[in-house]
N, C-alpha and C. Protein backbone atom coordinates (compact mmCIF):
# COMPACT_ATOMS: atom_id res chain seq x y z
N UNK A 1 0.85 -1.17 0.00
CA UNK A 1 0.00 0.00 0.00
C UNK A 1 0.89 1.24 0.00
N UNK A 2 0.73 2.08 -0.99
CA UNK A 2 1.57 3.26 -1.09
C UNK A 2 0.95 4.44 -0.37
N UNK A 3 1.66 5.52 -0.35
CA UNK A 3 1.21 6.74 0.33
C UNK A 3 -0.04 7.30 -0.32
N UNK A 4 -0.18 7.17 -1.64
CA UNK A 4 -1.34 7.71 -2.33
C UNK A 4 -2.59 6.87 -2.10
N UNK A 5 -2.43 5.66 -1.55
CA UNK A 5 -3.57 4.81 -1.26
C UNK A 5 -4.12 5.03 0.15
N UNK A 6 -3.46 5.86 0.94
CA UNK A 6 -3.89 6.13 2.30
C UNK A 6 -5.07 7.12 2.31
N UNK A 7 -6.09 6.87 3.16
CA UNK A 7 -7.20 7.83 3.28
C UNK A 7 -6.68 9.18 3.78
N UNK A 8 -7.33 10.24 3.36
CA UNK A 8 -6.92 11.57 3.80
C UNK A 8 -8.12 12.32 4.34
N UNK A 9 -7.85 13.33 5.17
CA UNK A 9 -8.90 14.13 5.81
C UNK A 9 -9.09 15.44 5.07
N UNK A 10 -10.35 15.85 4.98
CA UNK A 10 -10.71 17.14 4.38
C UNK A 10 -11.65 17.83 5.35
N UNK A 11 -11.38 19.10 5.62
CA UNK A 11 -12.23 19.88 6.51
C UNK A 11 -13.23 20.67 5.69
N UNK A 12 -14.50 20.57 6.05
CA UNK A 12 -15.56 21.30 5.34
C UNK A 12 -15.44 22.79 5.66
N UNK A 13 -15.35 23.65 4.65
CA UNK A 13 -15.23 25.08 4.91
C UNK A 13 -16.52 25.70 5.44
N UNK A 14 -17.65 25.03 5.24
CA UNK A 14 -18.93 25.58 5.68
C UNK A 14 -19.22 25.25 7.14
N UNK A 15 -19.19 23.97 7.49
CA UNK A 15 -19.59 23.57 8.85
C UNK A 15 -18.41 23.24 9.76
N UNK A 16 -17.23 23.00 9.20
CA UNK A 16 -16.08 22.67 10.01
C UNK A 16 -15.95 21.19 10.31
N UNK A 17 -16.82 20.36 9.73
CA UNK A 17 -16.74 18.92 9.92
C UNK A 17 -15.54 18.34 9.18
N UNK A 18 -15.11 17.14 9.60
CA UNK A 18 -13.95 16.51 8.97
C UNK A 18 -14.43 15.26 8.24
N UNK A 19 -14.07 15.17 6.96
CA UNK A 19 -14.41 14.03 6.13
C UNK A 19 -13.16 13.21 5.86
N UNK A 20 -13.23 11.90 6.03
CA UNK A 20 -12.11 11.00 5.69
C UNK A 20 -12.47 10.37 4.35
N UNK A 21 -11.61 10.57 3.36
CA UNK A 21 -11.89 10.14 1.99
C UNK A 21 -10.89 9.08 1.56
N UNK A 22 -11.41 8.04 0.93
CA UNK A 22 -10.59 6.97 0.36
C UNK A 22 -10.23 7.38 -1.07
N UNK A 23 -8.93 7.53 -1.38
CA UNK A 23 -8.55 8.01 -2.71
C UNK A 23 -8.81 7.00 -3.83
N UNK A 24 -8.85 5.72 -3.52
CA UNK A 24 -9.04 4.71 -4.55
C UNK A 24 -10.50 4.70 -5.02
N UNK A 25 -11.41 4.62 -4.06
CA UNK A 25 -12.84 4.55 -4.42
C UNK A 25 -13.48 5.94 -4.50
N UNK A 26 -12.76 6.95 -4.04
CA UNK A 26 -13.24 8.34 -4.01
C UNK A 26 -14.56 8.45 -3.24
N UNK A 27 -14.64 7.74 -2.15
CA UNK A 27 -15.83 7.74 -1.31
C UNK A 27 -15.49 8.25 0.08
N UNK A 28 -16.48 8.81 0.73
CA UNK A 28 -16.31 9.24 2.12
C UNK A 28 -16.44 8.00 2.99
N UNK A 29 -15.41 7.73 3.77
CA UNK A 29 -15.45 6.53 4.61
C UNK A 29 -15.70 6.85 6.08
N UNK A 30 -15.56 8.13 6.46
CA UNK A 30 -15.83 8.53 7.85
C UNK A 30 -16.15 10.02 7.88
N UNK A 31 -16.92 10.39 8.87
CA UNK A 31 -17.30 11.79 9.05
C UNK A 31 -17.26 12.13 10.52
N UNK A 32 -16.64 13.24 10.86
CA UNK A 32 -16.62 13.74 12.23
C UNK A 32 -17.29 15.11 12.22
N UNK A 33 -18.38 15.24 12.97
CA UNK A 33 -19.11 16.50 13.02
C UNK A 33 -18.29 17.58 13.70
N UNK A 34 -18.56 18.81 13.31
CA UNK A 34 -17.90 19.95 13.94
C UNK A 34 -18.43 20.11 15.36
N UNK A 35 -17.61 20.62 16.26
CA UNK A 35 -18.10 20.83 17.63
C UNK A 35 -19.20 21.89 17.64
N UNK A 36 -20.19 21.67 18.48
CA UNK A 36 -21.31 22.60 18.59
C UNK A 36 -20.85 23.89 19.26
N UNK A 37 -21.31 25.00 18.70
CA UNK A 37 -20.97 26.30 19.28
C UNK A 37 -22.00 26.64 20.35
N UNK A 38 -21.55 27.34 21.38
CA UNK A 38 -22.47 27.78 22.42
C UNK A 38 -23.34 28.89 21.87
N UNK A 39 -24.61 28.81 22.19
CA UNK A 39 -25.52 29.83 21.72
C UNK A 39 -25.36 31.11 22.53
N UNK A 40 -25.14 30.97 23.83
CA UNK A 40 -24.98 32.11 24.73
C UNK A 40 -23.75 31.89 25.60
N UNK A 41 -23.10 32.96 25.95
CA UNK A 41 -21.91 32.87 26.78
C UNK A 41 -22.25 32.56 28.24
N UNK A 42 -23.34 33.14 28.74
CA UNK A 42 -23.71 32.88 30.13
C UNK A 42 -25.23 32.90 30.27
N UNK A 43 -25.71 32.61 31.48
CA UNK A 43 -27.14 32.55 31.72
C UNK A 43 -27.80 33.92 31.63
N UNK A 44 -27.07 34.97 31.92
CA UNK A 44 -27.62 36.32 31.82
C UNK A 44 -28.01 36.66 30.39
N UNK A 45 -27.15 36.32 29.45
CA UNK A 45 -27.45 36.56 28.03
C UNK A 45 -28.64 35.72 27.57
N UNK A 46 -28.69 34.48 28.05
CA UNK A 46 -29.79 33.60 27.67
C UNK A 46 -31.12 34.12 28.23
N UNK A 47 -31.11 34.59 29.48
CA UNK A 47 -32.33 35.13 30.08
C UNK A 47 -32.77 36.40 29.36
N UNK A 48 -31.81 37.24 28.97
CA UNK A 48 -32.14 38.47 28.25
C UNK A 48 -32.77 38.14 26.90
N UNK A 49 -32.22 37.17 26.19
CA UNK A 49 -32.78 36.77 24.89
C UNK A 49 -34.18 36.19 25.06
N UNK A 50 -34.39 35.44 26.13
CA UNK A 50 -35.71 34.87 26.40
C UNK A 50 -36.73 35.97 26.68
N UNK A 51 -36.34 36.98 27.47
CA UNK A 51 -37.25 38.12 27.74
C UNK A 51 -37.58 38.87 26.46
N UNK A 52 -36.58 39.08 25.60
CA UNK A 52 -36.81 39.80 24.34
C UNK A 52 -37.75 39.01 23.44
N UNK A 53 -37.59 37.69 23.39
CA UNK A 53 -38.49 36.90 22.55
C UNK A 53 -39.91 36.90 23.12
N UNK A 54 -40.05 36.92 24.46
CA UNK A 54 -41.37 37.00 25.07
C UNK A 54 -42.04 38.34 24.72
N UNK A 55 -41.27 39.43 24.79
CA UNK A 55 -41.81 40.75 24.46
C UNK A 55 -42.22 40.82 22.99
N UNK A 56 -41.42 40.25 22.12
CA UNK A 56 -41.74 40.25 20.69
C UNK A 56 -43.01 39.44 20.43
N UNK A 57 -43.11 38.29 21.06
CA UNK A 57 -44.29 37.44 20.90
C UNK A 57 -45.55 38.16 21.39
N UNK A 58 -45.44 38.84 22.53
CA UNK A 58 -46.58 39.58 23.08
C UNK A 58 -46.98 40.73 22.15
N UNK A 59 -46.00 41.40 21.57
CA UNK A 59 -46.28 42.49 20.64
C UNK A 59 -47.01 41.97 19.40
N UNK A 60 -46.55 40.85 18.84
CA UNK A 60 -47.22 40.27 17.69
C UNK A 60 -48.65 39.84 18.02
N UNK A 61 -48.85 39.32 19.22
CA UNK A 61 -50.19 38.91 19.63
C UNK A 61 -51.11 40.13 19.74
N UNK A 62 -50.60 41.22 20.34
CA UNK A 62 -51.41 42.45 20.45
C UNK A 62 -51.79 42.98 19.06
N UNK A 63 -50.85 42.93 18.13
CA UNK A 63 -51.14 43.40 16.77
C UNK A 63 -52.22 42.55 16.11
N UNK A 64 -52.16 41.24 16.31
CA UNK A 64 -53.17 40.38 15.70
C UNK A 64 -54.54 40.59 16.35
N UNK A 65 -54.58 40.84 17.65
CA UNK A 65 -55.85 41.13 18.33
C UNK A 65 -56.44 42.43 17.80
N UNK A 66 -55.62 43.47 17.65
CA UNK A 66 -56.10 44.75 17.12
C UNK A 66 -56.62 44.59 15.70
N UNK A 67 -55.91 43.82 14.88
CA UNK A 67 -56.35 43.59 13.51
C UNK A 67 -57.68 42.85 13.48
N UNK A 68 -57.87 41.92 14.39
CA UNK A 68 -59.12 41.16 14.44
C UNK A 68 -60.27 42.05 14.90
N UNK A 69 -60.00 42.99 15.81
CA UNK A 69 -61.04 43.91 16.26
C UNK A 69 -61.49 44.82 15.12
N UNK A 70 -60.58 45.26 14.30
CA UNK A 70 -60.90 46.18 13.22
C UNK A 70 -61.37 45.46 11.96
N UNK A 71 -61.34 44.15 11.95
CA UNK A 71 -61.68 43.37 10.77
C UNK A 71 -63.12 43.62 10.33
N UNK A 72 -64.07 43.68 11.28
CA UNK A 72 -65.47 43.90 10.94
C UNK A 72 -65.68 45.26 10.29
N UNK A 73 -65.03 46.29 10.84
CA UNK A 73 -65.17 47.64 10.27
C UNK A 73 -64.61 47.69 8.86
N UNK A 74 -63.46 47.08 8.64
CA UNK A 74 -62.82 47.09 7.33
C UNK A 74 -63.70 46.35 6.32
N UNK A 75 -64.23 45.19 6.70
CA UNK A 75 -65.08 44.43 5.80
C UNK A 75 -66.37 45.19 5.49
N UNK A 76 -66.96 45.88 6.47
CA UNK A 76 -68.17 46.66 6.24
C UNK A 76 -67.90 47.81 5.27
N UNK A 77 -66.76 48.47 5.42
CA UNK A 77 -66.40 49.56 4.52
C UNK A 77 -66.16 49.05 3.10
N UNK A 78 -65.51 47.91 2.98
CA UNK A 78 -65.27 47.33 1.65
C UNK A 78 -66.59 46.95 0.99
N UNK A 79 -67.52 46.38 1.77
CA UNK A 79 -68.81 46.00 1.22
C UNK A 79 -69.60 47.23 0.78
N UNK A 80 -69.61 48.28 1.62
CA UNK A 80 -70.32 49.51 1.27
C UNK A 80 -69.74 50.12 -0.01
N UNK A 81 -68.43 50.10 -0.15
CA UNK A 81 -67.79 50.64 -1.36
C UNK A 81 -68.17 49.81 -2.59
N UNK A 82 -68.23 48.49 -2.44
CA UNK A 82 -68.61 47.63 -3.56
C UNK A 82 -70.06 47.86 -3.96
N UNK A 83 -70.95 48.04 -2.98
CA UNK A 83 -72.35 48.32 -3.29
C UNK A 83 -72.48 49.65 -4.01
N UNK A 84 -71.76 50.66 -3.54
CA UNK A 84 -71.78 51.99 -4.16
C UNK A 84 -71.29 51.91 -5.60
N UNK A 85 -70.23 51.17 -5.82
CA UNK A 85 -69.66 51.02 -7.16
C UNK A 85 -70.64 50.28 -8.07
N UNK A 86 -71.34 49.28 -7.54
CA UNK A 86 -72.30 48.52 -8.32
C UNK A 86 -73.50 49.39 -8.71
N UNK A 87 -73.92 50.29 -7.83
CA UNK A 87 -75.06 51.17 -8.13
C UNK A 87 -74.69 52.22 -9.16
N UNK A 88 -73.44 52.67 -9.15
CA UNK A 88 -73.00 53.70 -10.09
C UNK A 88 -72.88 53.17 -11.51
N UNK A 89 -72.53 51.95 -11.69
CA UNK A 89 -72.35 51.40 -13.03
C UNK A 89 -73.16 50.12 -13.18
N UNK A 90 -74.49 50.26 -13.32
CA UNK A 90 -75.30 49.04 -13.50
C UNK A 90 -75.10 48.48 -14.90
N UNK A 91 -75.39 47.22 -15.04
CA UNK A 91 -75.25 46.57 -16.34
C UNK A 91 -76.37 47.04 -17.25
N UNK A 92 -76.06 47.50 -18.44
CA UNK A 92 -77.08 47.95 -19.39
C UNK A 92 -77.50 46.80 -20.29
N UNK A 93 -76.63 45.88 -20.55
CA UNK A 93 -76.94 44.74 -21.38
C UNK A 93 -76.73 43.46 -20.59
N UNK A 94 -77.47 42.45 -20.98
CA UNK A 94 -77.25 41.17 -20.36
C UNK A 94 -75.94 40.59 -20.86
N UNK A 95 -75.22 39.90 -20.04
CA UNK A 95 -73.97 39.30 -20.50
C UNK A 95 -74.24 38.20 -21.53
N UNK A 96 -73.34 38.07 -22.45
CA UNK A 96 -73.45 37.09 -23.51
C UNK A 96 -73.10 35.70 -22.95
N UNK A 97 -74.01 34.74 -23.17
CA UNK A 97 -73.77 33.37 -22.70
C UNK A 97 -73.39 32.50 -23.87
N UNK A 98 -72.76 31.39 -23.62
CA UNK A 98 -72.28 30.50 -24.68
C UNK A 98 -73.43 29.96 -25.53
N UNK A 99 -74.54 29.58 -24.91
CA UNK A 99 -75.62 29.00 -25.69
C UNK A 99 -76.44 30.06 -26.44
N UNK A 100 -76.22 31.36 -26.14
CA UNK A 100 -76.85 32.42 -26.92
C UNK A 100 -76.19 32.54 -28.29
N UNK A 101 -74.98 32.05 -28.43
CA UNK A 101 -74.24 32.17 -29.67
C UNK A 101 -74.68 31.17 -30.72
N UNK A 102 -75.42 30.13 -30.33
CA UNK A 102 -75.84 29.10 -31.29
C UNK A 102 -76.93 29.57 -32.19
């Protein structure tokens, strides 16, 4: 077995994982995952992030409640506008149907 037949390691530039590749078959024969990074340095940072996500969630909920409260008014205004538009431009002719063409 020569030096060129020995498996070699390649580090993934994206995730940092290590791949062991067999040069003869050109196949990955082993994989070592990259070490997991810490999301937060300490519990204070984690608690702060949790509070911020709670505040954001509460804000989104309040916005959806306000939108739901105003939904009836918006729909009533849209309906009134559609009725007004329909009265202003009534149909003068009946629409042409397919069986009228025969």
